[in-house]
Amino acid sequence: MKQVTPNGHLIKELRSNLEKNSTQKELSYAICISERKLRQIENEYAPISVKTLDRLEKDRVARIYLIQI
């Protein structure tokens, strides 16, 4: 499965700037990943599958700039 590394800082910023100021728990539930994995993505730029990235984009209605591995 193809993996990409999203810009974790941008994901954290998008999550924090939402009207409802979504928590990591809420976002991780919405995109079907663990809170731990979301923390890794936001803080360590952990690679994720393209499928997870698509779910993230649909939930956040924003294009995430990525670096392909």
C-alpha atoms as a PDB file:
ATOM      1  CA  MET A   1       0.000   0.000   0.000  1.00  0.00           C
ATOM      2  CA  LYS A   2       1.328   3.407  -0.931  1.00  0.00           C
ATOM      3  CA  GLN A   3       2.304   5.606   2.020  1.00  0.00           C
ATOM      4  CA  VAL A   4       2.604   9.382   2.151  1.00  0.00           C
ATOM      5  CA  THR A   5       3.849  11.733   4.837  1.00  0.00           C
ATOM      6  CA  PRO A   6       1.434  14.634   5.370  1.00  0.00           C
ATOM      7  CA  ASN A   7       2.446  17.956   6.870  1.00  0.00           C
ATOM      8  CA  GLY A   8       1.629  17.226  10.520  1.00  0.00           C
ATOM      9  CA  HIS A   9       1.912  20.837  11.618  1.00  0.00           C
ATOM     10  CA  LEU A  10      -0.683  21.835   9.014  1.00  0.00           C
ATOM     11  CA  ILE A  11      -3.038  19.057  10.128  1.00  0.00           C
ATOM     12  CA  LYS A  12      -2.759  20.202  13.750  1.00  0.00           C
ATOM     13  CA  GLU A  13      -3.377  23.804  12.682  1.00  0.00           C
ATOM     14  CA  LEU A  14      -6.448  22.864  10.616  1.00  0.00           C
ATOM     15  CA  ARG A  15      -7.846  20.808  13.491  1.00  0.00           C
ATOM     16  CA  SER A  16      -7.305  23.657  15.967  1.00  0.00           C
ATOM     17  CA  ASN A  17      -8.731  26.374  13.715  1.00  0.00           C
ATOM     18  CA  LEU A  18     -12.067  24.703  13.078  1.00  0.00           C
ATOM     19  CA  GLU A  19     -15.220  26.375  14.334  1.00  0.00           C
ATOM     20  CA  LYS A  20     -15.771  23.591  16.843  1.00  0.00           C
ATOM     21  CA  ASN A  21     -12.041  23.308  17.697  1.00  0.00           C
ATOM     22  CA  SER A  22     -11.923  19.544  17.239  1.00  0.00           C
ATOM     23  CA  THR A  23      -9.922  17.417  19.680  1.00  0.00           C
ATOM     24  CA  GLN A  24      -7.512  14.683  18.626  1.00  0.00           C
ATOM     25  CA  LYS A  25     -10.008  12.135  19.916  1.00  0.00           C
ATOM     26  CA  GLU A  26     -12.823  13.522  17.753  1.00  0.00           C
ATOM     27  CA  LEU A  27     -10.682  13.775  14.622  1.00  0.00           C
ATOM     28  CA  SER A  28      -9.138  10.340  15.047  1.00  0.00           C
ATOM     29  CA  TYR A  29     -12.622   8.828  15.409  1.00  0.00           C
ATOM     30  CA  ALA A  30     -13.864  10.700  12.324  1.00  0.00           C
ATOM     31  CA  ILE A  31     -11.042   9.395  10.116  1.00  0.00           C
ATOM     32  CA  CYS A  32     -10.886   5.894  11.672  1.00  0.00           C
ATOM     33  CA  ILE A  33      -7.387   5.946  13.173  1.00  0.00           C
ATOM     34  CA  SER A  34      -6.157   5.776  16.758  1.00  0.00           C
ATOM     35  CA  GLU A  35      -5.447   8.883  18.806  1.00  0.00           C
ATOM     36  CA  ARG A  36      -1.877   7.679  19.134  1.00  0.00           C
ATOM     37  CA  LYS A  37      -1.457   7.525  15.355  1.00  0.00           C
ATOM     38  CA  LEU A  38      -2.908  11.031  14.983  1.00  0.00           C
ATOM     39  CA  ARG A  39      -0.455  12.353  17.584  1.00  0.00           C
ATOM     40  CA  GLN A  40       2.377  10.719  15.643  1.00  0.00           C
ATOM     41  CA  ILE A  41       1.161  12.309  12.420  1.00  0.00           C
ATOM     42  CA  GLU A  42       0.865  15.774  13.986  1.00  0.00           C
ATOM     43  CA  ASN A  43       4.131  15.704  15.930  1.00  0.00           C
ATOM     44  CA  GLU A  44       6.452  13.352  14.090  1.00  0.00           C
ATOM     45  CA  TYR A  45       5.164  13.508  10.517  1.00  0.00           C
ATOM     46  CA  ALA A  46       4.371   9.772  10.540  1.00  0.00           C
ATOM     47  CA  PRO A  47       3.559   8.172   7.177  1.00  0.00           C
ATOM     48  CA  ILE A  48      -0.059   7.230   6.509  1.00  0.00           C
ATOM     49  CA  SER A  49      -1.865   5.364   3.761  1.00  0.00           C
ATOM     50  CA  VAL A  50      -3.408   7.242   0.867  1.00  0.00           C
ATOM     51  CA  LYS A  51      -6.810   5.943   2.020  1.00  0.00           C
ATOM     52  CA  THR A  52      -6.350   7.580   5.442  1.00  0.00           C
ATOM     53  CA  LEU A  53      -5.242  10.799   3.772  1.00  0.00           C
ATOM     54  CA  ASP A  54      -8.399  10.787   1.637  1.00  0.00           C
ATOM     55  CA  ARG A  55     -10.565  10.390   4.758  1.00  0.00           C
ATOM     56  CA  LEU A  56      -8.681  13.248   6.404  1.00  0.00           C
ATOM     57  CA  GLU A  57      -9.159  15.517   3.403  1.00  0.00           C
ATOM     58  CA  LYS A  58     -12.881  14.741   3.200  1.00  0.00           C
ATOM     59  CA  ASP A  59     -13.369  15.397   6.902  1.00  0.00           C
ATOM     60  CA  ARG A  60     -11.369  18.622   6.997  1.00  0.00           C
ATOM     61  CA  VAL A  61     -12.406  19.962   3.569  1.00  0.00           C
ATOM     62  CA  ALA A  62      -8.855  21.101   2.938  1.00  0.00           C
ATOM     63  CA  ARG A  63      -6.040  19.912   0.713  1.00  0.00           C
ATOM     64  CA  ILE A  64      -3.065  18.631   2.727  1.00  0.00           C
ATOM     65  CA  TYR A  65       0.340  19.206   1.184  1.00  0.00           C
ATOM     66  CA  LEU A  66       2.325  16.002   1.257  1.00  0.00           C
ATOM     67  CA  ILE A  67       5.758  14.621   0.746  1.00  0.00           C
ATOM     68  CA  GLN A  68       5.768  11.240  -0.946  1.00  0.00           C
ATOM     69  CA  ILE A  69       8.007   8.500   0.366  1.00  0.00           C
END
